[in-house]
């Protein structure tokens, strides 16, 4: 195996890792384990940085090119599903974050209410 073929193999392995990590992230999102989603997200970011550093290229072997394309589509589909699952949670968090802001604005406008 020449250096270019070895590099292509390493890149494909990183895409395999990314796909597995993305799937774990999706499984965690489906189970509402958001801390695990964040952990897996961090691992995905690390793999993406590694791919960028490797100078991702188009594999010369058509079967490797197809495998890479399948992996990329899988990761993108997982990402779309994770985003769909996260939207209600993000909306809930946004609502919670607005409550203290609105309470503070009301207190500033009308003064604090003292209870006897």
PDB file of N, CA and C in Angstrom:
ATOM      1  N   UNK A   1       0.865  -1.179   0.000  1.00  0.00           N
ATOM      2  CA  UNK A   1       0.000   0.000   0.000  1.00  0.00           C
ATOM      3  C   UNK A   1       0.905   1.234   0.000  1.00  0.00           C
ATOM      4  N   UNK A   2       0.673   2.145  -0.952  1.00  0.00           N
ATOM      5  CA  UNK A   2       1.495   3.359  -1.012  1.00  0.00           C
ATOM      6  C   UNK A   2       0.987   4.413  -0.025  1.00  0.00           C
ATOM      7  N   UNK A   3       1.740   5.496   0.101  1.00  0.00           N
ATOM      8  CA  UNK A   3       1.425   6.538   1.095  1.00  0.00           C
ATOM      9  C   UNK A   3       0.048   7.154   0.854  1.00  0.00           C
ATOM     10  N   UNK A   4      -0.307   7.365  -0.399  1.00  0.00           N
ATOM     11  CA  UNK A   4      -1.611   7.969  -0.702  1.00  0.00           C
ATOM     12  C   UNK A   4      -2.740   7.017  -0.313  1.00  0.00           C
ATOM     13  N   UNK A   5      -2.574   5.730  -0.601  1.00  0.00           N
ATOM     14  CA  UNK A   5      -3.597   4.747  -0.232  1.00  0.00           C
ATOM     15  C   UNK A   5      -3.726   4.641   1.288  1.00  0.00           C
ATOM     16  N   UNK A   6      -2.606   4.719   1.994  1.00  0.00           N
ATOM     17  CA  UNK A   6      -2.640   4.693   3.456  1.00  0.00           C
ATOM     18  C   UNK A   6      -3.393   5.902   4.001  1.00  0.00           C
ATOM     19  N   UNK A   7      -3.108   7.063   3.406  1.00  0.00           N
ATOM     20  CA  UNK A   7      -3.794   8.298   3.823  1.00  0.00           C
ATOM     21  C   UNK A   7      -5.294   8.194   3.581  1.00  0.00           C
ATOM     22  N   UNK A   8      -5.669   7.674   2.407  1.00  0.00           N
ATOM     23  CA  UNK A   8      -7.087   7.483   2.096  1.00  0.00           C
ATOM     24  C   UNK A   8      -7.738   6.553   3.115  1.00  0.00           C
ATOM     25  N   UNK A   9      -7.023   5.510   3.503  1.00  0.00           N
ATOM     26  CA  UNK A   9      -7.556   4.554   4.473  1.00  0.00           C
ATOM     27  C   UNK A   9      -7.755   5.222   5.834  1.00  0.00           C
ATOM     28  N   UNK A  10      -6.785   6.026   6.253  1.00  0.00           N
ATOM     29  CA  UNK A  10      -6.898   6.737   7.529  1.00  0.00           C
ATOM     30  C   UNK A  10      -8.098   7.682   7.492  1.00  0.00           C
ATOM     31  N   UNK A  11      -8.256   8.386   6.390  1.00  0.00           N
ATOM     32  CA  UNK A  11      -9.385   9.317   6.256  1.00  0.00           C
ATOM     33  C   UNK A  11     -10.709   8.562   6.332  1.00  0.00           C
ATOM     34  N   UNK A  12     -10.793   7.437   5.623  1.00  0.00           N
ATOM     35  CA  UNK A  12     -12.021   6.649   5.661  1.00  0.00           C
ATOM     36  C   UNK A  12     -12.292   6.138   7.077  1.00  0.00           C
ATOM     37  N   UNK A  13     -11.253   5.735   7.797  1.00  0.00           N
ATOM     38  CA  UNK A  13     -11.416   5.294   9.190  1.00  0.00           C
ATOM     39  C   UNK A  13     -11.958   6.423  10.057  1.00  0.00           C
ATOM     40  N   UNK A  14     -11.501   7.647   9.819  1.00  0.00           N
ATOM     41  CA  UNK A  14     -12.007   8.781  10.596  1.00  0.00           C
ATOM     42  C   UNK A  14     -13.479   9.030  10.291  1.00  0.00           C
ATOM     43  N   UNK A  15     -13.878   8.866   9.014  1.00  0.00           N
ATOM     44  CA  UNK A  15     -15.292   8.991   8.672  1.00  0.00           C
ATOM     45  C   UNK A  15     -16.114   7.892   9.346  1.00  0.00           C
ATOM     46  N   UNK A  16     -15.561   6.691   9.432  1.00  0.00           N
ATOM     47  CA  UNK A  16     -16.239   5.599  10.143  1.00  0.00           C
ATOM     48  C   UNK A  16     -16.412   5.980  11.614  1.00  0.00           C
ATOM     49  N   UNK A  17     -15.340   6.505  12.229  1.00  0.00           N
ATOM     50  CA  UNK A  17     -15.413   6.960  13.626  1.00  0.00           C
ATOM     51  C   UNK A  17     -16.467   8.047  13.791  1.00  0.00           C
ATOM     52  N   UNK A  18     -16.476   8.989  12.857  1.00  0.00           N
ATOM     53  CA  UNK A  18     -17.436  10.088  12.912  1.00  0.00           C
ATOM     54  C   UNK A  18     -18.867   9.561  12.819  1.00  0.00           C
ATOM     55  N   UNK A  19     -19.086   8.598  11.945  1.00  0.00           N
ATOM     56  CA  UNK A  19     -20.419   8.015  11.796  1.00  0.00           C
ATOM     57  C   UNK A  19     -20.857   7.291  13.070  1.00  0.00           C
ATOM     58  N   UNK A  20     -19.951   6.522  13.672  1.00  0.00           N
ATOM     59  CA  UNK A  20     -20.294   5.830  14.927  1.00  0.00           C
ATOM     60  C   UNK A  20     -20.588   6.835  16.048  1.00  0.00           C
ATOM     61  N   UNK A  21     -19.786   7.884  16.115  1.00  0.00           N
ATOM     62  CA  UNK A  21     -19.980   8.901  17.147  1.00  0.00           C
ATOM     63  C   UNK A  21     -21.299   9.637  16.934  1.00  0.00           C
ATOM     64  N   UNK A  22     -21.581   9.950  15.693  1.00  0.00           N
ATOM     65  CA  UNK A  22     -22.838  10.617  15.355  1.00  0.00           C
ATOM     66  C   UNK A  22     -24.032   9.743  15.744  1.00  0.00           C
ATOM     67  N   UNK A  23     -23.913   8.441  15.531  1.00  0.00           N
ATOM     68  CA  UNK A  23     -24.999   7.524  15.890  1.00  0.00           C
ATOM     69  C   UNK A  23     -25.184   7.464  17.408  1.00  0.00           C
ATOM     70  N   UNK A  24     -24.072   7.461  18.155  1.00  0.00           N
ATOM     71  CA  UNK A  24     -24.178   7.489  19.628  1.00  0.00           C
ATOM     72  C   UNK A  24     -24.835   8.790  20.086  1.00  0.00           C
ATOM     73  N   UNK A  25     -24.497   9.873  19.414  1.00  0.00           N
ATOM     74  CA  UNK A  25     -25.084  11.168  19.736  1.00  0.00           C
ATOM     75  C   UNK A  25     -26.597  11.126  19.488  1.00  0.00           C
ATOM     76  N   UNK A  26     -27.004  10.554  18.367  1.00  0.00           N
ATOM     77  CA  UNK A  26     -28.427  10.440  18.047  1.00  0.00           C
ATOM     78  C   UNK A  26     -29.136   9.547  19.059  1.00  0.00           C
ATOM     79  N   UNK A  27     -28.527   8.413  19.406  1.00  0.00           N
ATOM     80  CA  UNK A  27     -29.136   7.528  20.406  1.00  0.00           C
ATOM     81  C   UNK A  27     -29.318   8.258  21.734  1.00  0.00           C
ATOM     82  N   UNK A  28     -28.325   9.047  22.121  1.00  0.00           N
ATOM     83  CA  UNK A  28     -28.421   9.816  23.366  1.00  0.00           C
ATOM     84  C   UNK A  28     -29.544  10.849  23.269  1.00  0.00           C
ATOM     85  N   UNK A  29     -29.661  11.519  22.136  1.00  0.00           N
ATOM     86  CA  UNK A  29     -30.720  12.519  21.954  1.00  0.00           C
ATOM     87  C   UNK A  29     -32.096  11.857  22.013  1.00  0.00           C
ATOM     88  N   UNK A  30     -32.208  10.702  21.408  1.00  0.00           N
ATOM     89  CA  UNK A  30     -33.491   9.987  21.439  1.00  0.00           C
ATOM     90  C   UNK A  30     -33.884   9.595  22.856  1.00  0.00           C
ATOM     91  N   UNK A  31     -32.895   9.403  23.720  1.00  0.00           N
ATOM     92  CA  UNK A  31     -33.147   9.030  25.117  1.00  0.00           C
ATOM     93  C   UNK A  31     -33.128  10.235  26.052  1.00  0.00           C
ATOM     94  N   UNK A  32     -33.049  11.436  25.464  1.00  0.00           N
ATOM     95  CA  UNK A  32     -32.989  12.694  26.230  1.00  0.00           C
ATOM     96  C   UNK A  32     -31.805  12.719  27.199  1.00  0.00           C
ATOM     97  N   UNK A  33     -30.696  12.114  26.799  1.00  0.00           N
ATOM     98  CA  UNK A  33     -29.473  12.169  27.598  1.00  0.00           C
ATOM     99  C   UNK A  33     -28.594  13.277  27.005  1.00  0.00           C
ATOM    100  N   UNK A  34     -28.958  14.510  27.331  1.00  0.00           N
ATOM    101  CA  UNK A  34     -28.341  15.664  26.680  1.00  0.00           C
ATOM    102  C   UNK A  34     -26.880  15.866  27.086  1.00  0.00           C
ATOM    103  N   UNK A  35     -26.511  15.455  28.285  1.00  0.00           N
ATOM    104  CA  UNK A  35     -25.096  15.533  28.676  1.00  0.00           C
ATOM    105  C   UNK A  35     -24.249  14.627  27.787  1.00  0.00           C
ATOM    106  N   UNK A  36     -24.784  13.447  27.475  1.00  0.00           N
ATOM    107  CA  UNK A  36     -24.082  12.518  26.586  1.00  0.00           C
ATOM    108  C   UNK A  36     -24.010  13.086  25.168  1.00  0.00           C
ATOM    109  N   UNK A  37     -25.068  13.767  24.739  1.00  0.00           N
ATOM    110  CA  UNK A  37     -25.050  14.407  23.417  1.00  0.00           C
ATOM    111  C   UNK A  37     -23.887  15.394  23.348  1.00  0.00           C
ATOM    112  N   UNK A  38     -23.722  16.193  24.391  1.00  0.00           N
ATOM    113  CA  UNK A  38     -22.648  17.185  24.425  1.00  0.00           C
ATOM    114  C   UNK A  38     -21.284  16.498  24.396  1.00  0.00           C
ATOM    115  N   UNK A  39     -21.132  15.411  25.129  1.00  0.00           N
ATOM    116  CA  UNK A  39     -19.872  14.668  25.142  1.00  0.00           C
ATOM    117  C   UNK A  39     -19.546  14.130  23.753  1.00  0.00           C
ATOM    118  N   UNK A  40     -20.530  13.527  23.113  1.00  0.00           N
ATOM    119  CA  UNK A  40     -20.320  12.982  21.769  1.00  0.00           C
ATOM    120  C   UNK A  40     -20.075  14.095  20.752  1.00  0.00           C
ATOM    121  N   UNK A  41     -20.740  15.229  20.942  1.00  0.00           N
ATOM    122  CA  UNK A  41     -20.529  16.385  20.063  1.00  0.00           C
ATOM    123  C   UNK A  41     -19.065  16.823  20.104  1.00  0.00           C
ATOM    124  N   UNK A  42     -18.514  16.825  21.288  1.00  0.00           N
ATOM    125  CA  UNK A  42     -17.114  17.194  21.457  1.00  0.00           C
ATOM    126  C   UNK A  42     -16.200  16.212  20.708  1.00  0.00           C
ATOM    127  N   UNK A  43     -16.526  14.936  20.787  1.00  0.00           N
ATOM    128  CA  UNK A  43     -15.746  13.935  20.065  1.00  0.00           C
ATOM    129  C   UNK A  43     -15.882  14.137  18.554  1.00  0.00           C
ATOM    130  N   UNK A  44     -17.094  14.451  18.076  1.00  0.00           N
ATOM    131  CA  UNK A  44     -17.300  14.733  16.648  1.00  0.00           C
ATOM    132  C   UNK A  44     -16.440  15.911  16.202  1.00  0.00           C
ATOM    133  N   UNK A  45     -16.421  16.954  17.003  1.00  0.00           N
ATOM    134  CA  UNK A  45     -15.618  18.136  16.662  1.00  0.00           C
ATOM    135  C   UNK A  45     -14.140  17.779  16.557  1.00  0.00           C
ATOM    136  N   UNK A  46     -13.672  16.926  17.439  1.00  0.00           N
ATOM    137  CA  UNK A  46     -12.282  16.485  17.413  1.00  0.00           C
ATOM    138  C   UNK A  46     -11.981  15.705  16.125  1.00  0.00           C
ATOM    139  N   UNK A  47     -12.881  14.816  15.745  1.00  0.00           N
ATOM    140  CA  UNK A  47     -12.699  14.048  14.511  1.00  0.00           C
ATOM    141  C   UNK A  47     -12.720  14.953  13.283  1.00  0.00           C
ATOM    142  N   UNK A  48     -13.583  15.945  13.286  1.00  0.00           N
ATOM    143  CA  UNK A  48     -13.660  16.876  12.156  1.00  0.00           C
ATOM    144  C   UNK A  48     -12.371  17.685  12.046  1.00  0.00           C
ATOM    145  N   UNK A  49     -11.844  18.119  13.190  1.00  0.00           N
ATOM    146  CA  UNK A  49     -10.552  18.829  13.168  1.00  0.00           C
ATOM    147  C   UNK A  49      -9.451  17.930  12.603  1.00  0.00           C
ATOM    148  N   UNK A  50      -9.488  16.676  12.998  1.00  0.00           N
ATOM    149  CA  UNK A  50      -8.485  15.730  12.499  1.00  0.00           C
ATOM    150  C   UNK A  50      -8.623  15.544  10.990  1.00  0.00           C
ATOM    151  N   UNK A  51      -9.850  15.434  10.512  1.00  0.00           N
ATOM    152  CA  UNK A  51     -10.065  15.302   9.072  1.00  0.00           C
ATOM    153  C   UNK A  51      -9.550  16.536   8.321  1.00  0.00           C
ATOM    154  N   UNK A  52      -9.805  17.711   8.870  1.00  0.00           N
ATOM    155  CA  UNK A  52      -9.317  18.937   8.242  1.00  0.00           C
ATOM    156  C   UNK A  52      -7.792  18.943   8.201  1.00  0.00           C
ATOM    157  N   UNK A  53      -7.161  18.501   9.284  1.00  0.00           N
ATOM    158  CA  UNK A  53      -5.699  18.470   9.345  1.00  0.00           C
ATOM    159  C   UNK A  53      -5.129  17.458   8.353  1.00  0.00           C
ATOM    160  N   UNK A  54      -5.856  16.378   8.114  1.00  0.00           N
ATOM    161  CA  UNK A  54      -5.399  15.373   7.156  1.00  0.00           C
ATOM    162  C   UNK A  54      -5.525  15.868   5.716  1.00  0.00           C
ATOM    163  N   UNK A  55      -6.257  16.937   5.525  1.00  0.00           N
ATOM    164  CA  UNK A  55      -6.454  17.450   4.171  1.00  0.00           C
ATOM    165  C   UNK A  55      -7.334  16.513   3.374  1.00  0.00           C
ATOM    166  N   UNK A  56      -8.521  16.294   3.879  1.00  0.00           N
ATOM    167  CA  UNK A  56      -9.472  15.369   3.272  1.00  0.00           C
ATOM    168  C   UNK A  56      -9.401  15.414   1.750  1.00  0.00           C
ATOM    169  N   UNK A  57      -9.373  14.249   1.149  1.00  0.00           N
ATOM    170  CA  UNK A  57      -9.322  14.184  -0.302  1.00  0.00           C
ATOM    171  C   UNK A  57     -10.317  13.171  -0.813  1.00  0.00           C
ATOM    172  N   UNK A  58     -10.507  13.196  -2.099  1.00  0.00           N
ATOM    173  CA  UNK A  58     -11.423  12.260  -2.739  1.00  0.00           C
ATOM    174  C   UNK A  58     -10.665  10.955  -2.979  1.00  0.00           C
ATOM    175  N   UNK A  59     -11.135   9.861  -2.386  1.00  0.00           N
ATOM    176  CA  UNK A  59     -10.433   8.588  -2.590  1.00  0.00           C
ATOM    177  C   UNK A  59     -10.372   8.200  -4.064  1.00  0.00           C
ATOM    178  N   UNK A  60      -9.261   7.600  -4.456  1.00  0.00           N
ATOM    179  CA  UNK A  60      -9.087   7.193  -5.859  1.00  0.00           C
ATOM    180  C   UNK A  60      -9.906   5.947  -6.181  1.00  0.00           C
ATOM    181  N   UNK A  61     -10.097   5.087  -5.217  1.00  0.00           N
ATOM    182  CA  UNK A  61     -10.856   3.856  -5.404  1.00  0.00           C
ATOM    183  C   UNK A  61     -12.351   4.173  -5.382  1.00  0.00           C
ATOM    184  N   UNK A  62     -13.095   3.811  -6.437  1.00  0.00           N
ATOM    185  CA  UNK A  62     -14.536   4.112  -6.481  1.00  0.00           C
ATOM    186  C   UNK A  62     -15.324   3.530  -5.309  1.00  0.00           C
ATOM    187  N   UNK A  63     -14.960   2.354  -4.824  1.00  0.00           N
ATOM    188  CA  UNK A  63     -15.695   1.773  -3.705  1.00  0.00           C
ATOM    189  C   UNK A  63     -15.445   2.566  -2.425  1.00  0.00           C
ATOM    190  N   UNK A  64     -14.227   3.080  -2.243  1.00  0.00           N
ATOM    191  CA  UNK A  64     -13.941   3.930  -1.083  1.00  0.00           C
ATOM    192  C   UNK A  64     -14.679   5.255  -1.191  1.00  0.00           C
ATOM    193  N   UNK A  65     -14.743   5.806  -2.416  1.00  0.00           N
ATOM    194  CA  UNK A  65     -15.488   7.055  -2.644  1.00  0.00           C
ATOM    195  C   UNK A  65     -16.948   6.866  -2.275  1.00  0.00           C
ATOM    196  N   UNK A  66     -17.519   5.738  -2.688  1.00  0.00           N
ATOM    197  CA  UNK A  66     -18.932   5.471  -2.388  1.00  0.00           C
ATOM    198  C   UNK A  66     -19.127   5.274  -0.885  1.00  0.00           C
ATOM    199  N   UNK A  67     -18.211   4.558  -0.242  1.00  0.00           N
ATOM    200  CA  UNK A  67     -18.323   4.343   1.206  1.00  0.00           C
ATOM    201  C   UNK A  67     -18.261   5.677   1.945  1.00  0.00           C
ATOM    202  N   UNK A  68     -17.338   6.543   1.512  1.00  0.00           N
ATOM    203  CA  UNK A  68     -17.219   7.865   2.136  1.00  0.00           C
ATOM    204  C   UNK A  68     -18.523   8.646   1.955  1.00  0.00           C
ATOM    205  N   UNK A  69     -19.097   8.598   0.755  1.00  0.00           N
ATOM    206  CA  UNK A  69     -20.341   9.326   0.479  1.00  0.00           C
ATOM    207  C   UNK A  69     -21.475   8.816   1.368  1.00  0.00           C
ATOM    208  N   UNK A  70     -21.554   7.509   1.539  1.00  0.00           N
ATOM    209  CA  UNK A  70     -22.587   6.914   2.398  1.00  0.00           C
ATOM    210  C   UNK A  70     -22.397   7.392   3.836  1.00  0.00           C
ATOM    211  N   UNK A  71     -21.160   7.390   4.305  1.00  0.00           N
ATOM    212  CA  UNK A  71     -20.881   7.829   5.676  1.00  0.00           C
ATOM    213  C   UNK A  71     -21.253   9.293   5.873  1.00  0.00           C
ATOM    214  N   UNK A  72     -20.914  10.138   4.914  1.00  0.00           N
ATOM    215  CA  UNK A  72     -21.237  11.565   5.013  1.00  0.00           C
ATOM    216  C   UNK A  72     -22.754  11.759   5.045  1.00  0.00           C
ATOM    217  N   UNK A  73     -23.468  11.055   4.170  1.00  0.00           N
ATOM    218  CA  UNK A  73     -24.941  11.173   4.166  1.00  0.00           C
ATOM    219  C   UNK A  73     -25.534  10.697   5.491  1.00  0.00           C
ATOM    220  N   UNK A  74     -24.972   9.639   6.058  1.00  0.00           N
ATOM    221  CA  UNK A  74     -25.453   9.115   7.334  1.00  0.00           C
ATOM    222  C   UNK A  74     -25.244  10.130   8.448  1.00  0.00           C
ATOM    223  N   UNK A  75     -24.059  10.720   8.491  1.00  0.00           N
ATOM    224  CA  UNK A  75     -23.764  11.727   9.521  1.00  0.00           C
ATOM    225  C   UNK A  75     -24.700  12.927   9.368  1.00  0.00           C
ATOM    226  N   UNK A  76     -24.935  13.369   8.148  1.00  0.00           N
ATOM    227  CA  UNK A  76     -25.838  14.506   7.919  1.00  0.00           C
ATOM    228  C   UNK A  76     -27.276  14.170   8.321  1.00  0.00           C
ATOM    229  N   UNK A  77     -27.720  12.949   8.031  1.00  0.00           N
ATOM    230  CA  UNK A  77     -29.073  12.541   8.430  1.00  0.00           C
ATOM    231  C   UNK A  77     -29.182  12.469   9.957  1.00  0.00           C
ATOM    232  N   UNK A  78     -28.148  11.916  10.601  1.00  0.00           N
ATOM    233  CA  UNK A  78     -28.140  11.880  12.069  1.00  0.00           C
ATOM    234  C   UNK A  78     -28.203  13.291  12.639  1.00  0.00           C
ATOM    235  N   UNK A  79     -27.409  14.188  12.065  1.00  0.00           N
ATOM    236  CA  UNK A  79     -27.376  15.571  12.535  1.00  0.00           C
ATOM    237  C   UNK A  79     -28.750  16.226  12.417  1.00  0.00           C
ATOM    238  N   UNK A  80     -29.421  16.006  11.294  1.00  0.00           N
ATOM    239  CA  UNK A  80     -30.753  16.587  11.099  1.00  0.00           C
ATOM    240  C   UNK A  80     -31.735  16.050  12.139  1.00  0.00           C
ATOM    241  N   UNK A  81     -31.660  14.755  12.427  1.00  0.00           N
ATOM    242  CA  UNK A  81     -32.552  14.147  13.425  1.00  0.00           C
ATOM    243  C   UNK A  81     -32.235  14.670  14.826  1.00  0.00           C
ATOM    244  N   UNK A  82     -30.963  14.822  15.141  1.00  0.00           N
ATOM    245  CA  UNK A  82     -30.563  15.355  16.452  1.00  0.00           C
ATOM    246  C   UNK A  82     -31.110  16.767  16.613  1.00  0.00           C
ATOM    247  N   UNK A  83     -30.980  17.577  15.575  1.00  0.00           N
ATOM    248  CA  UNK A  83     -31.493  18.951  15.633  1.00  0.00           C
ATOM    249  C   UNK A  83     -33.004  18.953  15.844  1.00  0.00           C
ATOM    250  N   UNK A  84     -33.707  18.057  15.145  1.00  0.00           N
ATOM    251  CA  UNK A  84     -35.170  17.978  15.300  1.00  0.00           C
ATOM    252  C   UNK A  84     -35.531  17.604  16.733  1.00  0.00           C
ATOM    253  N   UNK A  85     -34.784  16.669  17.304  1.00  0.00           N
ATOM    254  CA  UNK A  85     -35.054  16.246  18.680  1.00  0.00           C
ATOM    255  C   UNK A  85     -34.677  17.325  19.692  1.00  0.00           C
ATOM    256  N   UNK A  86     -33.677  18.110  19.383  1.00  0.00           N
ATOM    257  CA  UNK A  86     -33.195  19.133  20.323  1.00  0.00           C
ATOM    258  C   UNK A  86     -34.058  20.392  20.319  1.00  0.00           C
ATOM    259  N   UNK A  87     -34.763  20.661  19.228  1.00  0.00           N
ATOM    260  CA  UNK A  87     -35.539  21.909  19.128  1.00  0.00           C
ATOM    261  C   UNK A  87     -36.489  22.131  20.296  1.00  0.00           C
ATOM    262  N   UNK A  88     -37.302  21.148  20.693  1.00  0.00           N
ATOM    263  CA  UNK A  88     -38.200  21.388  21.839  1.00  0.00           C
ATOM    264  C   UNK A  88     -37.421  21.693  23.118  1.00  0.00           C
ATOM    265  N   UNK A  89     -36.327  21.002  23.322  1.00  0.00           N
ATOM    266  CA  UNK A  89     -35.507  21.230  24.520  1.00  0.00           C
ATOM    267  C   UNK A  89     -34.902  22.629  24.486  1.00  0.00           C
ATOM    268  N   UNK A  90     -34.422  23.050  23.328  1.00  0.00           N
ATOM    269  CA  UNK A  90     -33.847  24.395  23.205  1.00  0.00           C
ATOM    270  C   UNK A  90     -34.908  25.466  23.425  1.00  0.00           C
ATOM    271  N   UNK A  91     -36.106  25.240  22.914  1.00  0.00           N
ATOM    272  CA  UNK A  91     -37.200  26.194  23.125  1.00  0.00           C
ATOM    273  C   UNK A  91     -37.547  26.282  24.603  1.00  0.00           C
ATOM    274  N   UNK A  92     -37.538  25.134  25.271  1.00  0.00           N
ATOM    275  CA  UNK A  92     -37.818  25.090  26.713  1.00  0.00           C
ATOM    276  C   UNK A  92     -36.750  25.862  27.486  1.00  0.00           C
ATOM    277  N   UNK A  93     -35.493  25.667  27.131  1.00  0.00           N
ATOM    278  CA  UNK A  93     -34.405  26.392  27.795  1.00  0.00           C
ATOM    279  C   UNK A  93     -34.492  27.894  27.539  1.00  0.00           C
ATOM    280  N   UNK A  94     -34.833  28.249  26.312  1.00  0.00           N
ATOM    281  CA  UNK A  94     -34.980  29.671  25.982  1.00  0.00           C
ATOM    282  C   UNK A  94     -36.087  30.301  26.814  1.00  0.00           C
ATOM    283  N   UNK A  95     -37.193  29.587  26.976  1.00  0.00           N
ATOM    284  CA  UNK A  95     -38.305  30.085  27.782  1.00  0.00           C
ATOM    285  C   UNK A  95     -37.872  30.264  29.241  1.00  0.00           C
ATOM    286  N   UNK A  96     -37.137  29.285  29.773  1.00  0.00           N
ATOM    287  CA  UNK A  96     -36.650  29.388  31.149  1.00  0.00           C
ATOM    288  C   UNK A  96     -35.696  30.567  31.327  1.00  0.00           C
ATOM    289  N   UNK A  97     -34.888  30.816  30.329  1.00  0.00           N
ATOM    290  CA  UNK A  97     -33.931  31.921  30.421  1.00  0.00           C
ATOM    291  C   UNK A  97     -34.631  33.273  30.353  1.00  0.00           C
ATOM    292  N   UNK A  98     -35.769  33.334  29.677  1.00  0.00           N
ATOM    293  CA  UNK A  98     -36.502  34.589  29.570  1.00  0.00           C
ATOM    294  C   UNK A  98     -37.236  34.950  30.853  1.00  0.00           C
ATOM    295  N   UNK A  99     -37.650  33.972  31.647  1.00  0.00           N
ATOM    296  CA  UNK A  99     -38.428  34.229  32.862  1.00  0.00           C
ATOM    297  C   UNK A  99     -37.691  35.157  33.821  1.00  0.00           C
ATOM    298  N   UNK A 100     -36.423  34.870  34.191  1.00  0.00           N
ATOM    299  CA  UNK A 100     -35.729  35.799  35.095  1.00  0.00           C
ATOM    300  C   UNK A 100     -35.568  37.193  34.476  1.00  0.00           C
ATOM    301  N   UNK A 101     -35.342  37.236  33.170  1.00  0.00           N
ATOM    302  CA  UNK A 101     -35.201  38.527  32.499  1.00  0.00           C
ATOM    303  C   UNK A 101     -36.509  39.314  32.597  1.00  0.00           C
ATOM    304  N   UNK A 102     -37.609  38.651  32.318  1.00  0.00           N
ATOM    305  CA  UNK A 102     -38.914  39.320  32.389  1.00  0.00           C
ATOM    306  C   UNK A 102     -39.268  39.711  33.815  1.00  0.00           C
ATOM    307  N   UNK A 103     -38.927  38.857  34.793  1.00  0.00           N
ATOM    308  CA  UNK A 103     -39.181  39.169  36.197  1.00  0.00           C
ATOM    309  C   UNK A 103     -38.402  40.408  36.604  1.00  0.00           C
ATOM    310  N   UNK A 104     -37.144  40.476  36.181  1.00  0.00           N
ATOM    311  CA  UNK A 104     -36.308  41.637  36.503  1.00  0.00           C
ATOM    312  C   UNK A 104     -36.892  42.895  35.848  1.00  0.00           C
ATOM    313  N   UNK A 105     -37.334  42.785  34.611  1.00  0.00           N
ATOM    314  CA  UNK A 105     -37.913  43.947  33.923  1.00  0.00           C
ATOM    315  C   UNK A 105     -39.178  44.423  34.633  1.00  0.00           C
ATOM    316  N   UNK A 106     -40.011  43.492  35.077  1.00  0.00           N
ATOM    317  CA  UNK A 106     -41.224  43.875  35.812  1.00  0.00           C
ATOM    318  C   UNK A 106     -40.869  44.549  37.132  1.00  0.00           C
ATOM    319  N   UNK A 107     -39.881  43.993  37.819  1.00  0.00           N
ATOM    320  CA  UNK A 107     -39.463  44.581  39.100  1.00  0.00           C
ATOM    321  C   UNK A 107     -38.924  45.983  38.881  1.00  0.00           C
ATOM    322  N   UNK A 108     -38.181  46.178  37.815  1.00  0.00           N
ATOM    323  CA  UNK A 108     -37.643  47.514  37.523  1.00  0.00           C
ATOM    324  C   UNK A 108     -38.772  48.480  37.163  1.00  0.00           C
ATOM    325  N   UNK A 109     -39.765  47.983  36.454  1.00  0.00           N
ATOM    326  CA  UNK A 109     -40.871  48.848  36.031  1.00  0.00           C
ATOM    327  C   UNK A 109     -41.835  49.177  37.171  1.00  0.00           C
ATOM    328  N   UNK A 110     -42.146  48.182  37.988  1.00  0.00           N
ATOM    329  CA  UNK A 110     -43.174  48.363  39.002  1.00  0.00           C
ATOM    330  C   UNK A 110     -42.644  48.300  40.426  1.00  0.00           C
ATOM    331  N   UNK A 111     -41.372  48.092  40.591  1.00  0.00           N
ATOM    332  CA  UNK A 111     -40.802  47.979  41.924  1.00  0.00           C
ATOM    333  C   UNK A 111     -41.005  46.579  42.482  1.00  0.00           C
ATOM    334  N   UNK A 112     -40.204  46.192  43.449  1.00  0.00           N
ATOM    335  CA  UNK A 112     -40.360  44.855  44.043  1.00  0.00           C
ATOM    336  C   UNK A 112     -41.606  44.837  44.899  1.00  0.00           C
ATOM    337  N   UNK A 113     -42.188  43.686  44.908  1.00  0.00           N
ATOM    338  CA  UNK A 113     -43.369  43.495  45.733  1.00  0.00           C
ATOM    339  C   UNK A 113     -42.882  42.920  47.061  1.00  0.00           C
ATOM    340  N   UNK A 114     -43.161  43.624  48.146  1.00  0.00           N
ATOM    341  CA  UNK A 114     -42.771  43.176  49.477  1.00  0.00           C
ATOM    342  C   UNK A 114     -43.947  42.451  50.098  1.00  0.00           C
ATOM    343  N   UNK A 115     -43.701  41.284  50.622  1.00  0.00           N
ATOM    344  CA  UNK A 115     -44.757  40.536  51.312  1.00  0.00           C
ATOM    345  C   UNK A 115     -44.623  40.763  52.795  1.00  0.00           C
ATOM    346  N   UNK A 116     -45.758  40.919  53.468  1.00  0.00           N
ATOM    347  CA  UNK A 116     -45.712  41.134  54.916  1.00  0.00           C
ATOM    348  C   UNK A 116     -45.835  39.865  55.664  1.00  0.00           C
TER     349      UNK A 116
END
